[in-house]
Structures are given as C-alpha cells and as structure tokens.
C-alpha atoms as a PDB file:
ATOM      1  CA  MET A   1      62.364  76.205 -31.261  1.00  0.00           C
ATOM      2  CA  GLU A   2      60.995  76.158 -34.752  1.00  0.00           C
ATOM      3  CA  ILE A   3      60.923  73.251 -37.164  1.00  0.00           C
ATOM      4  CA  GLU A   4      59.985  73.815 -40.807  1.00  0.00           C
ATOM      5  CA  PHE A   5      58.813  70.840 -42.839  1.00  0.00           C
ATOM      6  CA  LEU A   6      59.219  70.766 -46.616  1.00  0.00           C
ATOM      7  CA  GLN A   7      57.583  67.897 -48.428  1.00  0.00           C
ATOM      8  CA  LEU A   8      59.028  67.142 -51.847  1.00  0.00           C
ATOM      9  CA  SER A   9      57.570  63.649 -52.061  1.00  0.00           C
ATOM     10  CA  GLY A  10      53.996  62.436 -51.915  1.00  0.00           C
ATOM     11  CA  LYS A  11      54.662  60.767 -48.573  1.00  0.00           C
ATOM     12  CA  ASN A  12      53.340  62.325 -45.368  1.00  0.00           C
ATOM     13  CA  TYR A  13      55.532  63.085 -42.384  1.00  0.00           C
ATOM     14  CA  PRO A  14      55.117  60.527 -39.609  1.00  0.00           C
ATOM     15  CA  LYS A  15      53.575  61.531 -36.301  1.00  0.00           C
ATOM     16  CA  GLY A  16      56.253  62.184 -33.738  1.00  0.00           C
ATOM     17  CA  ILE A  17      58.897  63.580 -36.083  1.00  0.00           C
ATOM     18  CA  LYS A  18      58.600  67.154 -34.785  1.00  0.00           C
ATOM     19  CA  LYS A  19      58.883  65.972 -31.174  1.00  0.00           C
ATOM     20  CA  ALA A  20      61.947  63.854 -32.018  1.00  0.00           C
ATOM     21  CA  VAL A  21      63.742  66.812 -33.622  1.00  0.00           C
ATOM     22  CA  ILE A  22      62.825  69.231 -30.819  1.00  0.00           C
ATOM     23  CA  ASP A  23      63.846  66.683 -28.164  1.00  0.00           C
ATOM     24  CA  ALA A  24      67.231  66.229 -29.874  1.00  0.00           C
ATOM     25  CA  LEU A  25      67.732  70.003 -29.843  1.00  0.00           C
ATOM     26  CA  LYS A  26      66.684  70.424 -26.197  1.00  0.00           C
ATOM     27  CA  GLU A  27      68.659  67.421 -24.923  1.00  0.00           C
ATOM     28  CA  ASN A  28      71.822  68.837 -26.453  1.00  0.00           C
ATOM     29  CA  GLY A  29      71.537  72.444 -25.317  1.00  0.00           C
ATOM     30  CA  ALA A  30      70.457  74.109 -28.552  1.00  0.00           C
ATOM     31  CA  PRO A  31      69.272  77.711 -28.137  1.00  0.00           C
ATOM     32  CA  GLN A  32      65.526  78.202 -27.708  1.00  0.00           C
ATOM     33  CA  THR A  33      65.619  80.282 -30.909  1.00  0.00           C
ATOM     34  CA  SER A  34      66.943  77.355 -33.003  1.00  0.00           C
ATOM     35  CA  PHE A  35      65.457  76.851 -36.471  1.00  0.00           C
ATOM     36  CA  VAL A  36      65.779  73.605 -38.458  1.00  0.00           C
ATOM     37  CA  SER A  37      64.280  72.592 -41.801  1.00  0.00           C
ATOM     38  CA  VAL A  38      63.398  68.941 -42.353  1.00  0.00           C
ATOM     39  CA  VAL A  39      62.910  67.866 -45.962  1.00  0.00           C
ATOM     40  CA  LEU A  40      61.225  64.609 -46.949  1.00  0.00           C
ATOM     41  CA  ALA A  41      62.332  63.722 -50.476  1.00  0.00           C
ATOM     42  CA  GLY A  42      62.570  60.631 -52.625  1.00  0.00           C
ATOM     43  CA  LYS A  43      64.777  59.578 -55.522  1.00  0.00           C
ATOM     44  CA  LYS A  44      62.431  61.246 -58.007  1.00  0.00           C
ATOM     45  CA  GLU A  45      62.894  64.636 -56.324  1.00  0.00           C
ATOM     46  CA  LEU A  46      66.607  64.280 -55.632  1.00  0.00           C
ATOM     47  CA  GLY A  47      67.610  62.773 -58.960  1.00  0.00           C
ATOM     48  CA  ASP A  48      71.209  61.594 -58.941  1.00  0.00           C
ATOM     49  CA  HIS A  49      72.258  63.974 -56.185  1.00  0.00           C
ATOM     50  CA  PRO A  50      73.679  62.329 -53.082  1.00  0.00           C
ATOM     51  CA  VAL A  51      71.696  62.889 -49.900  1.00  0.00           C
ATOM     52  CA  LEU A  52      73.613  64.721 -47.197  1.00  0.00           C
ATOM     53  CA  THR A  53      72.249  64.880 -43.670  1.00  0.00           C
ATOM     54  CA  TYR A  54      74.593  67.651 -42.604  1.00  0.00           C
ATOM     55  CA  VAL A  55      77.194  70.063 -43.837  1.00  0.00           C
ATOM     56  CA  ASN A  56      80.419  69.931 -41.877  1.00  0.00           C
ATOM     57  CA  GLN A  57      81.355  73.556 -41.370  1.00  0.00           C
ATOM     58  CA  ASP A  58      84.588  74.913 -39.978  1.00  0.00           C
ATOM     59  CA  ILE A  59      83.819  75.562 -36.303  1.00  0.00           C
ATOM     60  CA  LYS A  60      86.316  78.440 -36.266  1.00  0.00           C
ATOM     61  CA  LYS A  61      84.003  80.564 -38.390  1.00  0.00           C
ATOM     62  CA  PRO A  62      82.167  83.259 -36.431  1.00  0.00           C
ATOM     63  CA  PHE A  63      78.540  82.772 -35.509  1.00  0.00           C
ATOM     64  CA  VAL A  64      76.181  85.090 -37.324  1.00  0.00           C
ATOM     65  CA  PHE A  65      72.854  85.965 -35.756  1.00  0.00           C
ATOM     66  CA  PRO A  66      70.343  87.276 -38.288  1.00  0.00           C
ATOM     67  CA  PRO A  67      68.131  90.227 -37.393  1.00  0.00           C
ATOM     68  CA  ASP A  68      65.082  88.011 -36.877  1.00  0.00           C
ATOM     69  CA  GLY A  69      66.817  86.421 -33.874  1.00  0.00           C
ATOM     70  CA  LYS A  70      66.567  82.835 -35.139  1.00  0.00           C
ATOM     71  CA  HIS A  71      69.570  80.514 -34.990  1.00  0.00           C
ATOM     72  CA  TYR A  72      69.474  78.743 -38.357  1.00  0.00           C
ATOM     73  CA  LEU A  73      71.114  75.386 -37.730  1.00  0.00           C
ATOM     74  CA  GLY A  74      70.559  73.929 -41.189  1.00  0.00           C
ATOM     75  CA  GLU A  75      68.515  71.476 -43.168  1.00  0.00           C
ATOM     76  CA  VAL A  76      68.054  67.745 -42.679  1.00  0.00           C
ATOM     77  CA  ILE A  77      67.105  65.807 -45.816  1.00  0.00           C
ATOM     78  CA  VAL A  78      65.371  62.510 -45.081  1.00  0.00           C
ATOM     79  CA  ASP A  79      64.851  59.730 -47.609  1.00  0.00           C
ATOM     80  CA  ALA A  80      61.098  59.425 -48.165  1.00  0.00           C
ATOM     81  CA  GLU A  81      61.681  55.847 -49.265  1.00  0.00           C
ATOM     82  CA  ALA A  82      62.897  54.760 -45.824  1.00  0.00           C
ATOM     83  CA  LYS A  83      61.552  51.379 -44.727  1.00  0.00           C
ATOM     84  CA  SER A  84      59.241  52.634 -41.977  1.00  0.00           C
ATOM     85  CA  GLN A  85      57.904  55.751 -40.311  1.00  0.00           C
ATOM     86  CA  LYS A  86      60.096  54.961 -37.298  1.00  0.00           C
ATOM     87  CA  GLU A  87      63.154  54.975 -39.567  1.00  0.00           C
ATOM     88  CA  ILE A  88      62.155  58.381 -40.978  1.00  0.00           C
ATOM     89  CA  ILE A  89      61.896  59.742 -37.419  1.00  0.00           C
ATOM     90  CA  ASP A  90      65.252  58.174 -36.476  1.00  0.00           C
ATOM     91  CA  LEU A  91      66.931  59.675 -39.568  1.00  0.00           C
ATOM     92  CA  ALA A  92      65.520  63.138 -38.796  1.00  0.00           C
ATOM     93  CA  ARG A  93      66.801  62.926 -35.211  1.00  0.00           C
ATOM     94  CA  HIS A  94      70.194  61.633 -36.381  1.00  0.00           C
ATOM     95  CA  GLY A  95      70.536  64.462 -38.907  1.00  0.00           C
ATOM     96  CA  THR A  96      69.592  66.998 -36.230  1.00  0.00           C
ATOM     97  CA  LEU A  97      72.388  65.696 -34.006  1.00  0.00           C
ATOM     98  CA  HIS A  98      74.835  66.204 -36.879  1.00  0.00           C
ATOM     99  CA  LEU A  99      73.639  69.807 -37.257  1.00  0.00           C
ATOM    100  CA  LEU A 100      74.522  70.273 -33.589  1.00  0.00           C
ATOM    101  CA  GLY A 101      78.036  68.958 -34.232  1.00  0.00           C
ATOM    102  CA  ILE A 102      77.450  65.559 -32.652  1.00  0.00           C
ATOM    103  CA  HIS A 103      79.154  63.023 -34.901  1.00  0.00           C
ATOM    104  CA  HIS A 104      79.943  59.364 -34.545  1.00  0.00           C
END
C-alpha cells in the first residue's frame, strides 16, 4: 500500500497519520496495491473552495487498472487548521473510509 503526502500548508503531518490510513485500508480489505493521496491544506491554499473528503462515484462504473498496477483510490483533503494532531489523523482515517465506500 502506498500513501502519498502533499503538503500545501506550512503545517507538518502528525506522526501516526500514515499508519492510521494504512490500517484503515487493511482493516477494510483494500488491495495491497492501493494508492491514496493525503493533502494537508488550510484556508489560504483552498480559498473559497469547499473541502471534500471523498467523491461519491457511481459504483456501477467499471474498475480500471492502470498499467503500473496501482489501485488509485483517490485523494483525502484534510484541514490543516484542525484543532489537534489527533483530529488531523482522525480526519485522514475518516476520509480514507469514504474512499473505500464506507459511509455513515
């Protein structure tokens, strides 16, 4: 499993965020070749755009497997201005679950 981190804010990623995302993937049966991007961005970087943690896609669409063999699940955008590092980790995990189709 591969997690890509993109930092658009000056804030550092908290320790434990990669483990939280990978654990969420493993616990829910994601393929070993899963690829997720996690973006840490604040209001300055996002402007007036709403923050979406997932894109709800039609599950009837066919799966496409790119030639590199990775299963691109999507991108999780986390608010860099969250109250604590624990909240940033929780938001990243929550967004990952949405990418897997687990909604509440």
